[in-house]
Amino acid sequence: MTTILLLICSNIFMTIAWYGHLKYRQAPLLLAIVVSWLIAFAEYCFQVPANRIGYGTFTPFQLKVIQEVITLCVFVVFAWVYFGERMRWNHAVSCLFLVGAVAFAFWGKL
């Protein structure tokens, strides 16, 4: 559970670093890059411990698949709250396929 919580925190920072600047396109690109790197540092402060703690309980492949689904979930909420975007049916189907990928990645442990 610690790994999952740390990955959620990590992905919140990552999503802000990657997409938060899009609302401020008038800001200089160099400023957007520097601010994004500063935010990404916080992301790494959660991501590195998450993977270190999780490795052994999870395989590297499982960690990656978990991280991708968390990234998608965090992004869906971020896009809705920050940009006012709505999820369309094809986005929902894509999410279901990724959840299926997680289930498939853990199939050997069931």
N, C-alpha and C. Protein backbone atom coordinates (compact mmCIF):
# COMPACT_ATOMS: atom_id res chain seq x y z
N MET A 1 0.82 -1.20 0.00
CA MET A 1 0.00 0.00 0.00
C MET A 1 0.87 1.26 0.00
N THR A 2 2.00 1.21 0.69
CA THR A 2 2.92 2.35 0.71
C THR A 2 3.38 2.68 -0.70
N THR A 3 3.72 1.66 -1.46
CA THR A 3 4.16 1.87 -2.84
C THR A 3 3.09 2.58 -3.65
N ILE A 4 1.87 2.14 -3.53
CA ILE A 4 0.77 2.73 -4.29
C ILE A 4 0.56 4.19 -3.90
N LEU A 5 0.56 4.47 -2.60
CA LEU A 5 0.36 5.86 -2.14
C LEU A 5 1.49 6.77 -2.61
N LEU A 6 2.72 6.27 -2.55
CA LEU A 6 3.84 7.07 -3.04
C LEU A 6 3.76 7.30 -4.54
N LEU A 7 3.33 6.28 -5.28
CA LEU A 7 3.17 6.45 -6.73
C LEU A 7 2.06 7.44 -7.06
N ILE A 8 1.00 7.46 -6.28
CA ILE A 8 -0.06 8.44 -6.50
C ILE A 8 0.49 9.85 -6.29
N CYS A 9 1.21 10.07 -5.18
CA CYS A 9 1.82 11.38 -4.92
C CYS A 9 2.78 11.76 -6.05
N SER A 10 3.60 10.82 -6.44
CA SER A 10 4.56 11.04 -7.52
C SER A 10 3.85 11.48 -8.80
N ASN A 11 2.78 10.80 -9.14
CA ASN A 11 2.08 11.10 -10.38
C ASN A 11 1.32 12.41 -10.33
N ILE A 12 0.90 12.84 -9.17
CA ILE A 12 0.28 14.16 -9.06
C ILE A 12 1.30 15.23 -9.44
N PHE A 13 2.50 15.13 -8.87
CA PHE A 13 3.55 16.10 -9.21
C PHE A 13 3.95 15.99 -10.68
N MET A 14 4.07 14.77 -11.18
CA MET A 14 4.47 14.57 -12.57
C MET A 14 3.47 15.20 -13.53
N THR A 15 2.19 14.98 -13.26
CA THR A 15 1.15 15.52 -14.13
C THR A 15 1.17 17.05 -14.12
N ILE A 16 1.34 17.63 -12.95
CA ILE A 16 1.43 19.09 -12.86
C ILE A 16 2.66 19.59 -13.62
N ALA A 17 3.79 18.91 -13.47
CA ALA A 17 5.01 19.32 -14.16
C ALA A 17 4.86 19.22 -15.67
N TRP A 18 4.22 18.17 -16.15
CA TRP A 18 4.11 17.94 -17.59
C TRP A 18 3.04 18.79 -18.26
N TYR A 19 1.92 19.03 -17.55
CA TYR A 19 0.78 19.66 -18.21
C TYR A 19 0.33 20.98 -17.59
N GLY A 20 0.77 21.29 -16.39
CA GLY A 20 0.31 22.50 -15.71
C GLY A 20 0.65 23.78 -16.46
N HIS A 21 1.76 23.80 -17.14
CA HIS A 21 2.20 25.01 -17.85
C HIS A 21 1.37 25.31 -19.10
N LEU A 22 0.56 24.36 -19.54
CA LEU A 22 -0.20 24.57 -20.78
C LEU A 22 -1.21 25.71 -20.67
N LYS A 23 -1.66 26.00 -19.45
CA LYS A 23 -2.56 27.13 -19.25
C LYS A 23 -1.82 28.47 -19.34
N TYR A 24 -0.53 28.44 -19.30
CA TYR A 24 0.28 29.66 -19.27
C TYR A 24 1.19 29.73 -20.49
N ARG A 25 0.61 29.56 -21.64
CA ARG A 25 1.40 29.54 -22.88
C ARG A 25 2.08 30.87 -23.16
N GLN A 26 1.60 31.95 -22.53
CA GLN A 26 2.23 33.25 -22.73
C GLN A 26 3.52 33.38 -21.94
N ALA A 27 3.73 32.52 -20.95
CA ALA A 27 4.97 32.54 -20.17
C ALA A 27 6.12 32.06 -21.05
N PRO A 28 7.31 32.58 -20.83
CA PRO A 28 8.47 32.14 -21.62
C PRO A 28 8.70 30.63 -21.47
N LEU A 29 9.07 30.00 -22.56
CA LEU A 29 9.29 28.55 -22.57
C LEU A 29 10.36 28.16 -21.55
N LEU A 30 11.43 28.93 -21.46
CA LEU A 30 12.49 28.61 -20.51
C LEU A 30 11.96 28.60 -19.08
N LEU A 31 11.09 29.54 -18.74
CA LEU A 31 10.50 29.58 -17.40
C LEU A 31 9.64 28.33 -17.17
N ALA A 32 8.86 27.95 -18.16
CA ALA A 32 8.03 26.75 -18.05
C ALA A 32 8.89 25.51 -17.82
N ILE A 33 10.02 25.45 -18.52
CA ILE A 33 10.92 24.30 -18.36
C ILE A 33 11.51 24.27 -16.96
N VAL A 34 11.99 25.39 -16.48
CA VAL A 34 12.62 25.44 -15.15
C VAL A 34 11.61 25.12 -14.06
N VAL A 35 10.43 25.72 -14.13
CA VAL A 35 9.40 25.43 -13.11
C VAL A 35 8.99 23.96 -13.18
N SER A 36 8.85 23.43 -14.38
CA SER A 36 8.49 22.01 -14.52
C SER A 36 9.57 21.10 -13.92
N TRP A 37 10.82 21.45 -14.11
CA TRP A 37 11.91 20.65 -13.52
C TRP A 37 11.88 20.71 -12.00
N LEU A 38 11.57 21.86 -11.46
CA LEU A 38 11.48 21.98 -10.00
C LEU A 38 10.34 21.12 -9.45
N ILE A 39 9.22 21.13 -10.15
CA ILE A 39 8.09 20.28 -9.74
C ILE A 39 8.45 18.81 -9.92
N ALA A 40 9.15 18.50 -10.99
CA ALA A 40 9.54 17.11 -11.25
C ALA A 40 10.48 16.58 -10.18
N PHE A 41 11.27 17.46 -9.57
CA PHE A 41 12.14 17.02 -8.47
C PHE A 41 11.29 16.44 -7.34
N ALA A 42 10.18 17.10 -7.02
CA ALA A 42 9.27 16.58 -5.99
C ALA A 42 8.71 15.23 -6.41
N GLU A 43 8.42 15.10 -7.70
CA GLU A 43 7.92 13.83 -8.23
C GLU A 43 8.91 12.71 -7.97
N TYR A 44 10.17 12.96 -8.24
CA TYR A 44 11.20 11.94 -8.03
C TYR A 44 11.38 11.59 -6.55
N CYS A 45 11.13 12.56 -5.69
CA CYS A 45 11.23 12.30 -4.24
C CYS A 45 10.20 11.29 -3.77
N PHE A 46 9.13 11.12 -4.51
CA PHE A 46 8.13 10.09 -4.20
C PHE A 46 8.32 8.84 -5.06
N GLN A 47 8.68 9.03 -6.31
CA GLN A 47 8.77 7.90 -7.24
C GLN A 47 9.90 6.95 -6.90
N VAL A 48 11.07 7.47 -6.59
CA VAL A 48 12.22 6.60 -6.30
C VAL A 48 11.96 5.73 -5.06
N PRO A 49 11.50 6.31 -3.95
CA PRO A 49 11.18 5.44 -2.81
C PRO A 49 10.05 4.45 -3.11
N ALA A 50 9.07 4.87 -3.90
CA ALA A 50 7.97 3.96 -4.25
C ALA A 50 8.49 2.71 -4.94
N ASN A 51 9.36 2.90 -5.91
CA ASN A 51 9.89 1.75 -6.64
C ASN A 51 10.85 0.94 -5.79
N ARG A 52 11.63 1.59 -4.96
CA ARG A 52 12.54 0.83 -4.07
C ARG A 52 11.77 -0.01 -3.07
N ILE A 53 10.73 0.58 -2.50
CA ILE A 53 9.91 -0.15 -1.52
C ILE A 53 9.13 -1.27 -2.22
N GLY A 54 8.60 -0.96 -3.40
CA GLY A 54 7.75 -1.92 -4.10
C GLY A 54 8.49 -3.07 -4.76
N TYR A 55 9.77 -2.84 -5.12
CA TYR A 55 10.52 -3.89 -5.80
C TYR A 55 10.75 -5.06 -4.84
N GLY A 56 10.39 -6.21 -5.28
CA GLY A 56 10.46 -7.41 -4.44
C GLY A 56 9.06 -7.91 -4.19
N THR A 57 8.19 -6.98 -3.77
CA THR A 57 6.77 -7.32 -3.68
C THR A 57 6.20 -7.40 -5.09
N PHE A 58 6.62 -6.45 -5.92
CA PHE A 58 6.21 -6.39 -7.32
C PHE A 58 7.43 -6.55 -8.21
N THR A 59 7.23 -7.09 -9.38
CA THR A 59 8.31 -7.15 -10.37
C THR A 59 8.42 -5.77 -11.02
N PRO A 60 9.54 -5.48 -11.69
CA PRO A 60 9.64 -4.20 -12.40
C PRO A 60 8.52 -3.99 -13.42
N PHE A 61 8.12 -5.05 -14.11
CA PHE A 61 7.02 -4.92 -15.06
C PHE A 61 5.72 -4.55 -14.36
N GLN A 62 5.45 -5.19 -13.23
CA GLN A 62 4.24 -4.87 -12.48
C GLN A 62 4.28 -3.44 -11.94
N LEU A 63 5.43 -3.01 -11.45
CA LEU A 63 5.56 -1.63 -10.98
C LEU A 63 5.24 -0.64 -12.10
N LYS A 64 5.75 -0.93 -13.29
CA LYS A 64 5.52 -0.03 -14.42
C LYS A 64 4.06 0.01 -14.82
N VAL A 65 3.41 -1.13 -14.87
CA VAL A 65 2.00 -1.18 -15.25
C VAL A 65 1.14 -0.47 -14.20
N ILE A 66 1.44 -0.69 -12.92
CA ILE A 66 0.72 0.01 -11.85
C ILE A 66 0.90 1.52 -12.01
N GLN A 67 2.13 1.93 -12.25
CA GLN A 67 2.42 3.36 -12.40
C GLN A 67 1.66 3.95 -13.57
N GLU A 68 1.54 3.24 -14.67
CA GLU A 68 0.84 3.76 -15.83
C GLU A 68 -0.64 3.95 -15.56
N VAL A 69 -1.25 3.00 -14.87
CA VAL A 69 -2.67 3.14 -14.56
C VAL A 69 -2.90 4.29 -13.58
N ILE A 70 -2.02 4.42 -12.59
CA ILE A 70 -2.12 5.55 -11.66
C ILE A 70 -1.96 6.86 -12.43
N THR A 71 -1.00 6.91 -13.35
CA THR A 71 -0.80 8.11 -14.15
C THR A 71 -2.07 8.48 -14.90
N LEU A 72 -2.71 7.50 -15.50
CA LEU A 72 -3.93 7.76 -16.24
C LEU A 72 -5.04 8.27 -15.32
N CYS A 73 -5.21 7.63 -14.18
CA CYS A 73 -6.26 8.05 -13.23
C CYS A 73 -6.02 9.48 -12.74
N VAL A 74 -4.78 9.77 -12.39
CA VAL A 74 -4.44 11.12 -11.93
C VAL A 74 -4.68 12.12 -13.06
N PHE A 75 -4.29 11.76 -14.28
CA PHE A 75 -4.48 12.68 -15.40
C PHE A 75 -5.94 12.95 -15.68
N VAL A 76 -6.78 11.93 -15.59
CA VAL A 76 -8.22 12.11 -15.82
C VAL A 76 -8.78 13.15 -14.86
N VAL A 77 -8.45 13.02 -13.59
CA VAL A 77 -8.92 13.99 -12.59
C VAL A 77 -8.33 15.37 -12.87
N PHE A 78 -7.04 15.43 -13.16
CA PHE A 78 -6.37 16.70 -13.44
C PHE A 78 -7.00 17.40 -14.65
N ALA A 79 -7.22 16.67 -15.73
CA ALA A 79 -7.79 17.26 -16.93
C ALA A 79 -9.20 17.79 -16.66
N TRP A 80 -9.93 17.10 -15.83
CA TRP A 80 -11.29 17.52 -15.49
C TRP A 80 -11.26 18.77 -14.61
N VAL A 81 -10.45 18.75 -13.55
CA VAL A 81 -10.40 19.85 -12.60
C VAL A 81 -9.67 21.07 -13.18
N TYR A 82 -8.52 20.87 -13.76
CA TYR A 82 -7.64 21.96 -14.18
C TYR A 82 -8.03 22.56 -15.53
N PHE A 83 -8.41 21.70 -16.48
CA PHE A 83 -8.73 22.15 -17.82
C PHE A 83 -10.22 22.14 -18.14
N GLY A 84 -11.02 21.54 -17.28
CA GLY A 84 -12.44 21.43 -17.55
C GLY A 84 -12.77 20.43 -18.65
N GLU A 85 -11.84 19.52 -18.93
CA GLU A 85 -12.04 18.50 -19.97
C GLU A 85 -12.96 17.40 -19.44
N ARG A 86 -13.71 16.83 -20.34
CA ARG A 86 -14.58 15.70 -20.00
C ARG A 86 -14.05 14.46 -20.70
N MET A 87 -14.21 13.33 -20.04
CA MET A 87 -13.78 12.06 -20.64
C MET A 87 -14.83 11.62 -21.65
N ARG A 88 -14.38 11.28 -22.84
CA ARG A 88 -15.27 10.77 -23.87
C ARG A 88 -15.27 9.24 -23.83
N TRP A 89 -16.17 8.64 -24.57
CA TRP A 89 -16.32 7.19 -24.52
C TRP A 89 -15.03 6.47 -24.92
N ASN A 90 -14.32 6.98 -25.92
CA ASN A 90 -13.10 6.31 -26.36
C ASN A 90 -11.99 6.43 -25.30
N HIS A 91 -12.00 7.51 -24.52
CA HIS A 91 -11.05 7.64 -23.42
C HIS A 91 -11.38 6.60 -22.34
N ALA A 92 -12.66 6.43 -22.06
CA ALA A 92 -13.08 5.45 -21.04
C ALA A 92 -12.69 4.03 -21.47
N VAL A 93 -12.87 3.71 -22.73
CA VAL A 93 -12.49 2.38 -23.22
C VAL A 93 -10.98 2.19 -23.10
N SER A 94 -10.22 3.23 -23.40
CA SER A 94 -8.76 3.16 -23.25
C SER A 94 -8.39 2.87 -21.80
N CYS A 95 -9.07 3.54 -20.88
CA CYS A 95 -8.81 3.30 -19.45
C CYS A 95 -9.10 1.85 -19.07
N LEU A 96 -10.18 1.33 -19.58
CA LEU A 96 -10.52 -0.06 -19.28
C LEU A 96 -9.46 -1.02 -19.81
N PHE A 97 -8.93 -0.73 -20.98
CA PHE A 97 -7.85 -1.58 -21.51
C PHE A 97 -6.62 -1.53 -20.61
N LEU A 98 -6.31 -0.37 -20.08
CA LEU A 98 -5.15 -0.27 -19.18
C LEU A 98 -5.39 -1.00 -17.87
N VAL A 99 -6.60 -0.91 -17.35
CA VAL A 99 -6.93 -1.68 -16.15
C VAL A 99 -6.81 -3.17 -16.46
N GLY A 100 -7.24 -3.56 -17.63
CA GLY A 100 -7.08 -4.95 -18.07
C GLY A 100 -5.62 -5.34 -18.15
N ALA A 101 -4.76 -4.41 -18.58
CA ALA A 101 -3.32 -4.68 -18.65
C ALA A 101 -2.76 -4.94 -17.26
N VAL A 102 -3.24 -4.21 -16.27
CA VAL A 102 -2.78 -4.45 -14.89
C VAL A 102 -3.19 -5.84 -14.45
N ALA A 103 -4.45 -6.19 -14.68
CA ALA A 103 -4.92 -7.52 -14.30
C ALA A 103 -4.11 -8.59 -15.00
N PHE A 104 -3.83 -8.40 -16.27
CA PHE A 104 -3.05 -9.37 -17.04
C PHE A 104 -1.62 -9.46 -16.52
N ALA A 105 -1.03 -8.33 -16.11
CA ALA A 105 0.34 -8.33 -15.57
C ALA A 105 0.44 -9.13 -14.29
N PHE A 106 -0.66 -9.18 -13.53
CA PHE A 106 -0.65 -9.91 -12.26
C PHE A 106 -1.21 -11.32 -12.42
N TRP A 107 -1.57 -11.72 -13.61
CA TRP A 107 -2.20 -13.02 -13.84
C TRP A 107 -1.39 -14.18 -13.27
N GLY A 108 -0.09 -14.15 -13.40
CA GLY A 108 0.74 -15.24 -12.91
C GLY A 108 0.77 -15.36 -11.40
N LYS A 109 0.40 -14.29 -10.68
CA LYS A 109 0.40 -14.32 -9.21
C LYS A 109 -0.95 -14.72 -8.62
N LEU A 110 -1.98 -14.86 -9.48
CA LEU A 110 -3.30 -15.21 -8.99
C LEU A 110 -3.40 -16.66 -8.66
